[in-house]
């Protein structure tokens, strides 16, 4: 996955929302949105992080957005 388009396609294939992918990767949704608009390429470190996030979601099957408490802690 080298381009934002490839990442976006993979995210959709795995079934993870863009918001959840960004939350898990620690990047803003606007970063992805801007990258898609510019048809650019993310930095190598961002590509690695996103690849790990998407692979983990695929392997574990955890693709649902997790609800958060007001304090930012994940609720069960």
C-alpha atoms as a PDB file:
ATOM      1  CA  UNK A   1       0.000   0.000   0.000  1.00  0.00           C
ATOM      2  CA  UNK A   2       1.843   3.003  -1.239  1.00  0.00           C
ATOM      3  CA  UNK A   3      -0.846   5.529  -2.101  1.00  0.00           C
ATOM      4  CA  UNK A   4      -3.726   6.962  -0.093  1.00  0.00           C
ATOM      5  CA  UNK A   5      -6.078   5.370  -2.645  1.00  0.00           C
ATOM      6  CA  UNK A   6      -4.610   1.912  -1.986  1.00  0.00           C
ATOM      7  CA  UNK A   7      -4.940   2.470   1.759  1.00  0.00           C
ATOM      8  CA  UNK A   8      -8.543   3.634   1.368  1.00  0.00           C
ATOM      9  CA  UNK A   9      -9.381   0.616  -0.793  1.00  0.00           C
ATOM     10  CA  UNK A  10      -7.796  -1.743   1.748  1.00  0.00           C
ATOM     11  CA  UNK A  11      -9.644  -0.040   4.612  1.00  0.00           C
ATOM     12  CA  UNK A  12     -12.964  -0.570   2.846  1.00  0.00           C
ATOM     13  CA  UNK A  13     -12.068  -4.171   2.051  1.00  0.00           C
ATOM     14  CA  UNK A  14     -11.292  -4.882   5.719  1.00  0.00           C
ATOM     15  CA  UNK A  15     -14.536  -3.189   6.769  1.00  0.00           C
ATOM     16  CA  UNK A  16     -13.047  -0.556   9.052  1.00  0.00           C
ATOM     17  CA  UNK A  17     -14.483   2.941   9.071  1.00  0.00           C
ATOM     18  CA  UNK A  18     -12.113   5.747   8.178  1.00  0.00           C
ATOM     19  CA  UNK A  19     -12.694   7.316  11.588  1.00  0.00           C
ATOM     20  CA  UNK A  20     -11.807   4.093  13.409  1.00  0.00           C
ATOM     21  CA  UNK A  21      -8.741   3.476  11.243  1.00  0.00           C
ATOM     22  CA  UNK A  22      -7.489   6.986  11.991  1.00  0.00           C
ATOM     23  CA  UNK A  23      -8.238   6.656  15.698  1.00  0.00           C
ATOM     24  CA  UNK A  24      -6.299   3.401  15.923  1.00  0.00           C
ATOM     25  CA  UNK A  25      -3.397   4.825  13.903  1.00  0.00           C
ATOM     26  CA  UNK A  26      -3.284   8.108  15.800  1.00  0.00           C
ATOM     27  CA  UNK A  27      -3.743  10.286  12.729  1.00  0.00           C
ATOM     28  CA  UNK A  28      -6.464  12.770  11.865  1.00  0.00           C
ATOM     29  CA  UNK A  29      -9.196  12.022   9.358  1.00  0.00           C
ATOM     30  CA  UNK A  30      -8.314  15.262   7.611  1.00  0.00           C
ATOM     31  CA  UNK A  31      -4.855  13.843   6.891  1.00  0.00           C
ATOM     32  CA  UNK A  32      -6.426  10.948   4.989  1.00  0.00           C
ATOM     33  CA  UNK A  33      -9.012  13.165   3.312  1.00  0.00           C
ATOM     34  CA  UNK A  34      -6.380  15.632   2.116  1.00  0.00           C
ATOM     35  CA  UNK A  35      -4.161  12.807   0.928  1.00  0.00           C
ATOM     36  CA  UNK A  36      -7.009  11.347  -1.112  1.00  0.00           C
ATOM     37  CA  UNK A  37      -7.852  14.738  -2.600  1.00  0.00           C
ATOM     38  CA  UNK A  38      -4.255  15.306  -3.645  1.00  0.00           C
ATOM     39  CA  UNK A  39      -3.775  11.701  -4.759  1.00  0.00           C
ATOM     40  CA  UNK A  40      -0.558  11.821  -2.808  1.00  0.00           C
ATOM     41  CA  UNK A  41       1.548   9.346  -0.938  1.00  0.00           C
ATOM     42  CA  UNK A  42       1.736   9.116   2.852  1.00  0.00           C
ATOM     43  CA  UNK A  43       5.086   9.130   4.581  1.00  0.00           C
ATOM     44  CA  UNK A  44       6.750   5.744   5.116  1.00  0.00           C
ATOM     45  CA  UNK A  45       6.042   5.864   8.860  1.00  0.00           C
ATOM     46  CA  UNK A  46       2.332   6.589   8.313  1.00  0.00           C
ATOM     47  CA  UNK A  47       2.152   3.788   5.728  1.00  0.00           C
ATOM     48  CA  UNK A  48       3.683   1.338   8.223  1.00  0.00           C
ATOM     49  CA  UNK A  49       1.284   2.350  10.992  1.00  0.00           C
ATOM     50  CA  UNK A  50      -1.764   2.123   8.734  1.00  0.00           C
ATOM     51  CA  UNK A  51      -0.634  -1.240   7.367  1.00  0.00           C
ATOM     52  CA  UNK A  52      -0.340  -2.568  10.939  1.00  0.00           C
ATOM     53  CA  UNK A  53      -3.763  -1.188  11.891  1.00  0.00           C
ATOM     54  CA  UNK A  54      -5.447  -2.685   8.839  1.00  0.00           C
ATOM     55  CA  UNK A  55      -3.692  -6.024   9.219  1.00  0.00           C
ATOM     56  CA  UNK A  56      -4.648  -6.234  12.902  1.00  0.00           C
ATOM     57  CA  UNK A  57      -8.279  -5.453  12.059  1.00  0.00           C
ATOM     58  CA  UNK A  58      -8.254  -8.160   9.401  1.00  0.00           C
ATOM     59  CA  UNK A  59      -6.639 -10.791  11.633  1.00  0.00           C
ATOM     60  CA  UNK A  60      -8.729 -10.112  14.731  1.00  0.00           C
ATOM     61  CA  UNK A  61     -11.941  -9.293  12.898  1.00  0.00           C
ATOM     62  CA  UNK A  62     -12.329  -6.217  15.103  1.00  0.00           C
ATOM     63  CA  UNK A  63     -13.688  -3.737  12.623  1.00  0.00           C
ATOM     64  CA  UNK A  64     -16.432  -2.098  14.657  1.00  0.00           C
ATOM     65  CA  UNK A  65     -15.948   1.383  16.000  1.00  0.00           C
ATOM     66  CA  UNK A  66     -15.477   1.243  19.749  1.00  0.00           C
ATOM     67  CA  UNK A  67     -17.648   3.554  21.859  1.00  0.00           C
ATOM     68  CA  UNK A  68     -15.729   5.958  24.064  1.00  0.00           C
ATOM     69  CA  UNK A  69     -16.501   7.343  27.459  1.00  0.00           C
ATOM     70  CA  UNK A  70     -16.244  11.120  27.926  1.00  0.00           C
ATOM     71  CA  UNK A  71     -12.814  10.585  29.473  1.00  0.00           C
ATOM     72  CA  UNK A  72     -11.645   8.920  26.266  1.00  0.00           C
ATOM     73  CA  UNK A  73     -11.487   5.423  27.716  1.00  0.00           C
ATOM     74  CA  UNK A  74     -12.840   2.576  25.622  1.00  0.00           C
ATOM     75  CA  UNK A  75     -15.996   1.095  27.087  1.00  0.00           C
ATOM     76  CA  UNK A  76     -16.901  -2.558  26.837  1.00  0.00           C
END
